[in-house]
Amino acid sequence: MINNKDDKTEYLSLNCQNSTLELPFSDRYNAGHLKLKRTYVRKYNLISLVLIFFALSFLGWFWEVLLSFIVEGTIVNRGMLFGPWLPIYGFGGILSLYIPKRILKNPVNTFIVIAVSSSVIEYATSWFFEYTKGTRWWDYSQYALNINGRVCLIGTVLFGLGGCLCVYYLAPLLDELIKKIPHKIVLLICIFLILLFCFDLIYSKFNPNIGAGISDYSKSVVISVSANSCPDYILEI
């Protein structure tokens, strides 16, 4: 840092390829965040998007399996599919990468947009599964500030925080790692994952992943309603 005797403005010296660039110290904030800006403001190619989708889907699945193990002490394969992925996390993460730049400049606005949009997606997905399959794969009825058991406040906050982590750090990091892998190899990985995922979708359409800790919420709801409507009888499971 240098001081100009004729000018009280403080300067920040930056070395740029064997030359020194002097910036007013008042611009230190912008200079210090140039690298971060270049990191998350980017265009993702198709291969990166595909692999980021699967990476986020796996991380979402791992998070829910881990949470179930911590809370209930059991390991269950969460989700309707049989593979180690929860597509709702992948789709939500990919959509968050298309948030306009003017919103991304403010992390608070980014958090709000991701939290709200994620809750809409989660509510719509829950309704669709219950309408088409007659089954719920999650139920937040026991959580505070929930809407029909499909979404809840704590889930909305976690999705918002996770989405911000994805947009600003995780997705750019994955993109950089993917670009370091030879194109032919990364292309083969994409094709393999897509084929495996499509097979899982087709198989699960006719044989969805259900059972204790996975989709037994609808059963408890039915029993609860029946008990209230028939108070003179004792229902046993």
Protein backbone atom coordinates (compact mmCIF):
# COMPACT_ATOMS: atom_id res chain seq x y z
CA MET A 1 0.00 0.00 0.00
CA ILE A 2 1.31 3.50 -0.79
CA ASN A 3 0.33 7.01 0.17
CA ASN A 4 0.50 9.95 -2.23
CA LYS A 5 1.77 13.03 -0.42
CA ASP A 6 -0.12 15.34 -2.75
CA ASP A 7 -3.29 13.30 -2.48
CA LYS A 8 -4.68 11.80 0.72
CA THR A 9 -6.30 8.92 -1.22
CA GLU A 10 -4.83 5.56 -0.22
CA TYR A 11 -3.86 3.15 -2.95
CA LEU A 12 -3.74 -0.64 -3.21
CA SER A 13 -0.95 -2.13 -5.34
CA LEU A 14 -1.73 -5.22 -7.39
CA ASN A 15 0.88 -7.19 -9.32
CA CYS A 16 -0.38 -8.09 -12.80
CA GLN A 17 2.08 -10.05 -14.96
CA ASN A 18 5.28 -8.35 -13.82
CA SER A 19 3.62 -4.94 -13.74
CA THR A 20 2.06 -3.07 -10.86
CA LEU A 21 -1.48 -1.78 -11.01
CA GLU A 22 -2.35 0.85 -8.45
CA LEU A 23 -6.00 1.08 -7.44
CA PRO A 24 -7.59 3.51 -4.99
CA PHE A 25 -7.97 1.76 -1.65
CA SER A 26 -11.67 2.66 -1.77
CA ASP A 27 -11.97 0.12 -4.61
CA ARG A 28 -10.43 -2.69 -2.55
CA TYR A 29 -13.84 -4.32 -2.07
CA ASN A 30 -14.47 -4.58 -5.80
CA ALA A 31 -10.91 -5.74 -6.52
CA GLY A 32 -11.05 -8.38 -3.82
CA HIS A 33 -14.30 -9.80 -5.19
CA LEU A 34 -13.34 -9.93 -8.86
CA LYS A 35 -12.24 -13.55 -8.50
CA LEU A 36 -15.45 -14.54 -6.72
CA LYS A 37 -17.51 -12.80 -9.42
CA ARG A 38 -15.66 -14.63 -12.17
CA THR A 39 -16.30 -17.84 -10.27
CA TYR A 40 -20.09 -17.90 -10.04
CA VAL A 41 -21.05 -15.69 -13.00
CA ARG A 42 -20.45 -18.19 -15.78
CA LYS A 43 -22.10 -20.22 -18.51
CA TYR A 44 -22.25 -23.96 -17.92
CA ASN A 45 -22.01 -26.28 -20.90
CA LEU A 46 -24.36 -29.23 -21.31
CA ILE A 47 -21.92 -31.83 -19.99
CA SER A 48 -21.27 -29.80 -16.85
CA LEU A 49 -25.00 -29.35 -16.28
CA VAL A 50 -25.64 -33.08 -16.60
CA LEU A 51 -22.89 -34.03 -14.17
CA ILE A 52 -23.80 -31.25 -11.73
CA PHE A 53 -27.39 -32.54 -11.82
CA PHE A 54 -26.28 -36.04 -10.85
CA ALA A 55 -23.84 -34.75 -8.24
CA LEU A 56 -26.54 -32.67 -6.54
CA SER A 57 -29.05 -35.51 -6.81
CA PHE A 58 -26.57 -37.81 -5.07
CA LEU A 59 -25.74 -35.24 -2.38
CA GLY A 60 -29.46 -34.75 -1.71
CA TRP A 61 -29.95 -38.51 -1.42
CA PHE A 62 -26.92 -38.83 0.87
CA TRP A 63 -28.17 -35.95 3.05
CA GLU A 64 -31.59 -37.54 3.54
CA VAL A 65 -30.17 -41.01 4.21
CA LEU A 66 -27.75 -39.52 6.74
CA LEU A 67 -30.52 -37.49 8.38
CA SER A 68 -32.74 -40.55 8.63
CA PHE A 69 -29.90 -42.50 10.22
CA ILE A 70 -29.24 -39.73 12.77
CA VAL A 71 -32.91 -39.23 13.69
CA GLU A 72 -34.27 -42.78 13.45
CA GLY A 73 -31.13 -44.88 13.71
CA THR A 74 -31.87 -46.76 10.49
CA ILE A 75 -30.47 -46.61 6.97
CA VAL A 76 -33.15 -46.38 4.27
CA ASN A 77 -32.98 -45.74 0.54
CA ARG A 78 -34.85 -42.45 0.34
CA GLY A 79 -36.95 -41.46 -2.65
CA MET A 80 -39.16 -43.15 -5.21
CA LEU A 81 -36.21 -44.35 -7.28
CA PHE A 82 -33.82 -47.16 -6.41
CA GLY A 83 -30.56 -45.48 -7.41
CA PRO A 84 -28.56 -43.23 -5.05
CA TRP A 85 -30.15 -40.02 -6.27
CA LEU A 86 -33.02 -37.67 -5.54
CA PRO A 87 -33.75 -35.75 -8.78
CA ILE A 88 -35.64 -32.97 -6.99
CA TYR A 89 -32.30 -31.75 -5.58
CA GLY A 90 -30.67 -31.94 -9.00
CA PHE A 91 -33.45 -30.10 -10.83
CA GLY A 92 -33.67 -27.46 -8.13
CA GLY A 93 -29.92 -26.92 -8.20
CA ILE A 94 -29.78 -26.62 -11.99
CA LEU A 95 -32.66 -24.12 -12.03
CA SER A 96 -30.86 -22.00 -9.43
CA LEU A 97 -27.93 -21.62 -11.84
CA TYR A 98 -30.17 -19.60 -14.15
CA ILE A 99 -31.05 -16.92 -11.62
CA PRO A 100 -30.48 -13.48 -13.24
CA LYS A 101 -27.13 -11.83 -12.51
CA ARG A 102 -28.76 -8.78 -10.94
CA ILE A 103 -30.25 -11.04 -8.25
CA LEU A 104 -27.03 -13.02 -7.73
CA LYS A 105 -25.23 -9.80 -6.78
CA ASN A 106 -27.19 -9.82 -3.53
CA PRO A 107 -26.97 -13.14 -1.58
CA VAL A 108 -30.07 -12.24 0.45
CA ASN A 109 -32.17 -11.90 -2.71
CA THR A 110 -30.66 -15.12 -4.02
CA PHE A 111 -31.62 -16.91 -0.80
CA ILE A 112 -35.22 -15.66 -1.01
CA VAL A 113 -35.63 -16.64 -4.67
CA ILE A 114 -34.18 -20.12 -4.13
CA ALA A 115 -36.12 -20.75 -0.91
CA VAL A 116 -39.47 -19.78 -2.44
CA SER A 117 -38.96 -21.54 -5.78
CA SER A 118 -37.70 -24.70 -4.05
CA SER A 119 -40.78 -24.80 -1.83
CA VAL A 120 -43.04 -24.43 -4.87
CA ILE A 121 -41.23 -27.30 -6.61
CA GLU A 122 -41.35 -29.47 -3.48
CA TYR A 123 -45.06 -28.83 -2.93
CA ALA A 124 -45.92 -29.53 -6.59
CA THR A 125 -43.82 -32.72 -6.61
CA SER A 126 -45.43 -34.00 -3.42
CA TRP A 127 -48.91 -33.33 -4.78
CA PHE A 128 -48.09 -34.97 -8.12
CA PHE A 129 -46.73 -38.13 -6.49
CA GLU A 130 -49.70 -38.45 -4.18
CA TYR A 131 -52.16 -37.79 -7.02
CA THR A 132 -50.55 -40.27 -9.45
CA LYS A 133 -49.21 -42.90 -7.02
CA GLY A 134 -51.49 -42.44 -4.02
CA THR A 135 -48.39 -42.27 -1.83
CA ARG A 136 -46.36 -39.64 -0.01
CA TRP A 137 -42.59 -39.87 0.04
CA TRP A 138 -42.28 -37.15 2.71
CA ASP A 139 -44.58 -35.57 5.27
CA TYR A 140 -43.84 -32.47 7.36
CA SER A 141 -47.05 -32.58 9.38
CA GLN A 142 -45.07 -32.78 12.62
CA TYR A 143 -43.02 -29.67 11.79
CA ALA A 144 -43.99 -26.11 12.65
CA LEU A 145 -45.39 -23.82 9.95
CA ASN A 146 -46.02 -26.55 7.39
CA ILE A 147 -48.47 -26.41 4.49
CA ASN A 148 -50.50 -29.61 4.20
CA GLY A 149 -47.42 -31.53 5.31
CA ARG A 150 -45.81 -30.96 1.91
CA VAL A 151 -43.48 -28.07 2.80
CA CYS A 152 -42.37 -26.48 6.05
CA LEU A 153 -40.39 -23.46 7.23
CA ILE A 154 -37.25 -25.32 8.29
CA GLY A 155 -37.15 -27.15 4.96
CA THR A 156 -37.56 -23.89 3.07
CA VAL A 157 -34.68 -22.29 4.98
CA LEU A 158 -32.41 -25.30 4.41
CA PHE A 159 -33.21 -25.34 0.69
CA GLY A 160 -32.43 -21.63 0.50
CA LEU A 161 -29.08 -22.02 2.25
CA GLY A 162 -28.18 -25.11 0.25
CA GLY A 163 -29.12 -23.37 -2.98
CA CYS A 164 -26.86 -20.42 -2.18
CA LEU A 165 -24.01 -22.81 -1.41
CA CYS A 166 -24.61 -24.49 -4.75
CA VAL A 167 -24.75 -21.29 -6.81
CA TYR A 168 -21.81 -19.47 -5.29
CA TYR A 169 -19.40 -22.30 -4.51
CA LEU A 170 -20.33 -25.91 -5.22
CA ALA A 171 -21.48 -25.67 -8.86
CA PRO A 172 -18.50 -23.50 -9.95
CA LEU A 173 -16.12 -25.90 -8.18
CA LEU A 174 -17.69 -28.91 -9.89
CA ASP A 175 -17.58 -27.13 -13.23
CA GLU A 176 -13.85 -26.49 -12.84
CA LEU A 177 -13.20 -30.12 -11.88
CA ILE A 178 -15.26 -31.43 -14.80
CA LYS A 179 -13.31 -29.29 -17.27
CA LYS A 180 -10.09 -30.95 -16.12
CA ILE A 181 -11.36 -34.41 -17.14
CA PRO A 182 -10.71 -35.48 -20.76
CA HIS A 183 -13.75 -34.83 -22.95
CA LYS A 184 -14.16 -38.44 -24.12
CA ILE A 185 -14.12 -39.78 -20.57
CA VAL A 186 -16.57 -37.22 -19.22
CA LEU A 187 -18.87 -37.85 -22.20
CA LEU A 188 -18.90 -41.59 -21.50
CA ILE A 189 -19.69 -40.91 -17.84
CA CYS A 190 -22.63 -38.72 -18.87
CA ILE A 191 -24.04 -41.34 -21.24
CA PHE A 192 -23.68 -44.10 -18.65
CA LEU A 193 -25.41 -42.07 -15.91
CA ILE A 194 -28.24 -40.98 -18.21
CA LEU A 195 -28.91 -44.55 -19.36
CA LEU A 196 -28.83 -45.85 -15.79
CA PHE A 197 -31.11 -43.05 -14.63
CA CYS A 198 -33.62 -43.67 -17.45
CA PHE A 199 -33.68 -47.38 -16.60
CA ASP A 200 -34.35 -46.50 -12.96
CA LEU A 201 -37.17 -44.14 -13.98
CA ILE A 202 -38.86 -46.78 -16.13
CA TYR A 203 -38.49 -49.54 -13.54
CA SER A 204 -39.65 -47.32 -10.67
CA LYS A 205 -42.69 -46.21 -12.62
CA PHE A 206 -44.09 -49.71 -12.27
CA ASN A 207 -42.24 -50.73 -9.09
CA PRO A 208 -41.70 -47.60 -6.98
CA ASN A 209 -39.42 -47.67 -3.97
CA ILE A 210 -41.75 -47.88 -0.97
CA GLY A 211 -41.64 -49.13 2.59
CA ALA A 212 -40.92 -48.15 6.17
CA GLY A 213 -39.20 -44.79 6.44
CA ILE A 214 -39.69 -44.20 2.72
CA SER A 215 -43.37 -43.94 1.87
CA ASP A 216 -45.33 -45.09 4.94
CA TYR A 217 -46.69 -41.58 5.58
CA SER A 218 -49.92 -42.12 3.66
CA LYS A 219 -50.63 -45.19 5.78
CA SER A 220 -50.37 -43.21 9.00
CA VAL A 221 -52.58 -40.48 7.55
CA VAL A 222 -55.28 -42.97 6.57
CA ILE A 223 -55.21 -44.60 10.01
CA SER A 224 -55.46 -41.23 11.72
CA VAL A 225 -58.47 -40.20 9.66
CA SER A 226 -60.17 -43.54 10.17
CA ALA A 227 -59.64 -43.36 13.92
CA ASN A 228 -61.23 -39.93 14.09
CA SER A 229 -64.18 -40.94 11.96
CA CYS A 230 -64.79 -44.19 13.87
CA PRO A 231 -64.17 -43.41 17.55
CA ASP A 232 -66.13 -46.46 18.75
CA TYR A 233 -63.68 -48.89 17.21
CA ILE A 234 -60.10 -49.74 18.02
CA LEU A 235 -57.87 -49.92 14.97
CA GLU A 236 -54.90 -52.25 15.10
CA ILE A 237 -52.00 -52.39 12.68
